[in-house]
Every structure is written in C-alpha cells, then in structure tokens.
Amino acid sequence: MKTLINKGKLFLYNKNKKFIDRLIYKYTSLTPIGDFNEKDVFIVGFPKSGNTLMQNIMTGIVYGINPKQLHDSVIQQLIPDIYTELYYKRFITIITKQWISVILLMK
C-alpha cells in the first residue's frame, strides 16, 4: 500500500480510498461526504453569509427540532458542512415536496 506522510499525518492515495470508505461505512454507517443521491438537497452560500444560521433553520424545518435546544455538534451531524466533514450519517427525514414549496413561497 502506497502512502504519503506529511506533517505526521498519513494520507492514502485515491486507489485505496474506496476500500477505506467501505470499511468506515461497514463499521460506523458513515457515508463519504461525496456520495449523494438524487433526493439530496444542497444549500450553497458564500463564506460569512449566514451558513450556520441556515443550518440551524434547516434543522428546525427538516427534523422539527428547536435548534436552540441542541448543541452545535448535533446540528453539524444533522445538516453537515461539506467543507469541514469527511463523512456524514444519513438520518431519516420527513420533509416532502409540499414542505419545500411552502419554504420557497415564504422567501
């Protein structure tokens, strides 16, 4: 197995990444951040433009939870940031197309 060592950290070449991702999913049920399906929704914003606030709002809308009662790490797990997380856990959601159209009409 070829590796690259940089500043004490071990980086694996891409040819072993899929194998490692499968192992991580098998033992932790975490999905690589780059794996998504057609039902996933991405909300994109510029840095310093309210992305954390949007994560809090979406946590309340999608999961029906008051974000004021949650620790920030729980919100990050429910609505992950693709730039800070390598893996995420898929949770069951109850949001429907009708809810999305209501949200868009509110804007």
C-alpha atoms as a PDB file:
ATOM      1  CA  MET A   1       0.000   0.000   0.000  1.00  0.00           C
ATOM      2  CA  LYS A   2       1.479   3.334  -1.036  1.00  0.00           C
ATOM      3  CA  THR A   3       1.236   6.164   1.451  1.00  0.00           C
ATOM      4  CA  LEU A   4       2.319   9.763   1.667  1.00  0.00           C
ATOM      5  CA  ILE A   5       3.388  11.134   5.045  1.00  0.00           C
ATOM      6  CA  ASN A   6       3.016  14.876   5.562  1.00  0.00           C
ATOM      7  CA  LYS A   7       3.482  16.597   8.956  1.00  0.00           C
ATOM      8  CA  GLY A   8       2.927  13.369  10.863  1.00  0.00           C
ATOM      9  CA  LYS A   9      -0.391  12.632   9.158  1.00  0.00           C
ATOM     10  CA  LEU A  10      -0.949   9.626   6.964  1.00  0.00           C
ATOM     11  CA  PHE A  11      -2.588  10.254   3.601  1.00  0.00           C
ATOM     12  CA  LEU A  12      -3.700   7.413   1.360  1.00  0.00           C
ATOM     13  CA  TYR A  13      -3.725   7.525  -2.408  1.00  0.00           C
ATOM     14  CA  ASN A  14      -7.109   7.559  -4.134  1.00  0.00           C
ATOM     15  CA  LYS A  15      -6.863   3.909  -5.232  1.00  0.00           C
ATOM     16  CA  ASN A  16      -7.351   2.821  -1.591  1.00  0.00           C
ATOM     17  CA  LYS A  17      -9.988   5.441  -0.756  1.00  0.00           C
ATOM     18  CA  LYS A  18     -12.993   3.380  -1.871  1.00  0.00           C
ATOM     19  CA  PHE A  19     -11.810   0.394   0.161  1.00  0.00           C
ATOM     20  CA  ILE A  20     -11.384   2.563   3.254  1.00  0.00           C
ATOM     21  CA  ASP A  21     -14.758   4.239   2.684  1.00  0.00           C
ATOM     22  CA  ARG A  22     -16.433   0.817   2.548  1.00  0.00           C
ATOM     23  CA  LEU A  23     -14.753  -0.200   5.806  1.00  0.00           C
ATOM     24  CA  ILE A  24     -15.801   3.017   7.522  1.00  0.00           C
ATOM     25  CA  TYR A  25     -19.396   2.561   6.326  1.00  0.00           C
ATOM     26  CA  LYS A  26     -19.435  -1.089   7.411  1.00  0.00           C
ATOM     27  CA  TYR A  27     -18.333  -0.386  10.977  1.00  0.00           C
ATOM     28  CA  THR A  28     -19.794   3.090  11.612  1.00  0.00           C
ATOM     29  CA  SER A  29     -22.547   3.534   8.957  1.00  0.00           C
ATOM     30  CA  LEU A  30     -20.946   6.857   7.993  1.00  0.00           C
ATOM     31  CA  THR A  31     -21.162   7.819   4.313  1.00  0.00           C
ATOM     32  CA  PRO A  32     -18.382   9.704   2.494  1.00  0.00           C
ATOM     33  CA  ILE A  33     -19.350  13.346   2.018  1.00  0.00           C
ATOM     34  CA  GLY A  34     -19.002  12.991  -1.769  1.00  0.00           C
ATOM     35  CA  ASP A  35     -21.610  10.212  -2.013  1.00  0.00           C
ATOM     36  CA  PHE A  36     -25.095  11.562  -2.615  1.00  0.00           C
ATOM     37  CA  ASN A  37     -28.285  10.555  -4.384  1.00  0.00           C
ATOM     38  CA  GLU A  38     -30.963  12.325  -6.411  1.00  0.00           C
ATOM     39  CA  LYS A  39     -33.083  13.102  -3.331  1.00  0.00           C
ATOM     40  CA  ASP A  40     -30.336  15.054  -1.559  1.00  0.00           C
ATOM     41  CA  VAL A  41     -30.638  18.835  -1.344  1.00  0.00           C
ATOM     42  CA  PHE A  42     -27.599  21.139  -1.290  1.00  0.00           C
ATOM     43  CA  ILE A  43     -27.882  24.675   0.006  1.00  0.00           C
ATOM     44  CA  VAL A  44     -24.916  26.725  -1.136  1.00  0.00           C
ATOM     45  CA  GLY A  45     -23.708  30.049   0.226  1.00  0.00           C
ATOM     46  CA  PHE A  46     -20.640  32.237   0.301  1.00  0.00           C
ATOM     47  CA  PRO A  47     -18.415  32.272   3.407  1.00  0.00           C
ATOM     48  CA  LYS A  48     -19.636  34.634   6.147  1.00  0.00           C
ATOM     49  CA  SER A  49     -23.092  34.844   4.574  1.00  0.00           C
ATOM     50  CA  GLY A  50     -25.154  33.084   7.243  1.00  0.00           C
ATOM     51  CA  ASN A  51     -24.420  29.420   6.514  1.00  0.00           C
ATOM     52  CA  THR A  52     -24.516  28.444  10.194  1.00  0.00           C
ATOM     53  CA  LEU A  53     -27.805  30.269  10.634  1.00  0.00           C
ATOM     54  CA  MET A  54     -29.164  28.395   7.605  1.00  0.00           C
ATOM     55  CA  GLN A  55     -28.044  25.077   9.168  1.00  0.00           C
ATOM     56  CA  ASN A  56     -29.997  25.975  12.310  1.00  0.00           C
ATOM     57  CA  ILE A  57     -33.095  26.948  10.331  1.00  0.00           C
ATOM     58  CA  MET A  58     -32.953  23.772   8.224  1.00  0.00           C
ATOM     59  CA  THR A  59     -32.549  21.624  11.349  1.00  0.00           C
ATOM     60  CA  GLY A  60     -35.794  23.074  12.646  1.00  0.00           C
ATOM     61  CA  ILE A  61     -37.634  22.667   9.351  1.00  0.00           C
ATOM     62  CA  VAL A  62     -36.395  19.231   8.277  1.00  0.00           C
ATOM     63  CA  TYR A  63     -36.255  17.497  11.657  1.00  0.00           C
ATOM     64  CA  GLY A  64     -38.827  19.520  13.609  1.00  0.00           C
ATOM     65  CA  ILE A  65     -36.331  20.242  16.390  1.00  0.00           C
ATOM     66  CA  ASN A  66     -35.763  23.562  18.130  1.00  0.00           C
ATOM     67  CA  PRO A  67     -32.098  24.379  17.316  1.00  0.00           C
ATOM     68  CA  LYS A  68     -31.779  26.465  20.492  1.00  0.00           C
ATOM     69  CA  GLN A  69     -32.075  23.238  22.492  1.00  0.00           C
ATOM     70  CA  LEU A  70     -29.298  21.447  20.564  1.00  0.00           C
ATOM     71  CA  HIS A  71     -25.543  21.592  20.842  1.00  0.00           C
ATOM     72  CA  ASP A  72     -23.788  22.817  17.692  1.00  0.00           C
ATOM     73  CA  SER A  73     -22.160  19.398  17.147  1.00  0.00           C
ATOM     74  CA  VAL A  74     -25.609  17.777  16.860  1.00  0.00           C
ATOM     75  CA  ILE A  75     -26.675  20.345  14.270  1.00  0.00           C
ATOM     76  CA  GLN A  76     -23.450  19.665  12.339  1.00  0.00           C
ATOM     77  CA  GLN A  77     -24.312  15.956  12.287  1.00  0.00           C
ATOM     78  CA  LEU A  78     -27.889  16.551  11.138  1.00  0.00           C
ATOM     79  CA  ILE A  79     -27.022  19.197   8.498  1.00  0.00           C
ATOM     80  CA  PRO A  80     -23.324  18.594   7.652  1.00  0.00           C
ATOM     81  CA  ASP A  81     -20.986  21.170   6.142  1.00  0.00           C
ATOM     82  CA  ILE A  82     -19.260  19.604   3.136  1.00  0.00           C
ATOM     83  CA  TYR A  83     -16.120  21.680   3.703  1.00  0.00           C
ATOM     84  CA  THR A  84     -15.471  20.554   7.281  1.00  0.00           C
ATOM     85  CA  GLU A  85     -16.724  16.948   7.336  1.00  0.00           C
ATOM     86  CA  LEU A  86     -15.292  13.932   5.520  1.00  0.00           C
ATOM     87  CA  TYR A  87     -18.187  11.607   6.395  1.00  0.00           C
ATOM     88  CA  TYR A  88     -21.806  12.015   7.417  1.00  0.00           C
ATOM     89  CA  LYS A  89     -24.611   9.855   8.766  1.00  0.00           C
ATOM     90  CA  ARG A  90     -27.879   9.620   6.876  1.00  0.00           C
ATOM     91  CA  PHE A  91     -30.871  10.290   9.084  1.00  0.00           C
ATOM     92  CA  ILE A  92     -34.489   9.623   8.228  1.00  0.00           C
ATOM     93  CA  THR A  93     -36.328  12.801   7.289  1.00  0.00           C
ATOM     94  CA  ILE A  94     -39.999  13.527   6.883  1.00  0.00           C
ATOM     95  CA  ILE A  95     -39.755  16.556   4.597  1.00  0.00           C
ATOM     96  CA  THR A  96     -41.877  16.377   1.464  1.00  0.00           C
ATOM     97  CA  LYS A  97     -42.178  18.340  -1.769  1.00  0.00           C
ATOM     98  CA  GLN A  98     -45.127  20.232  -0.284  1.00  0.00           C
ATOM     99  CA  TRP A  99     -42.913  21.469   2.593  1.00  0.00           C
ATOM    100  CA  ILE A 100     -40.221  22.593   0.147  1.00  0.00           C
ATOM    101  CA  SER A 101     -42.736  24.579  -1.912  1.00  0.00           C
ATOM    102  CA  VAL A 102     -44.056  26.230   1.275  1.00  0.00           C
ATOM    103  CA  ILE A 103     -40.497  27.170   2.284  1.00  0.00           C
ATOM    104  CA  LEU A 104     -39.780  28.639  -1.146  1.00  0.00           C
ATOM    105  CA  LEU A 105     -43.035  30.630  -1.109  1.00  0.00           C
ATOM    106  CA  MET A 106     -42.111  32.103   2.276  1.00  0.00           C
ATOM    107  CA  LYS A 107     -38.986  33.662   0.784  1.00  0.00           C
END
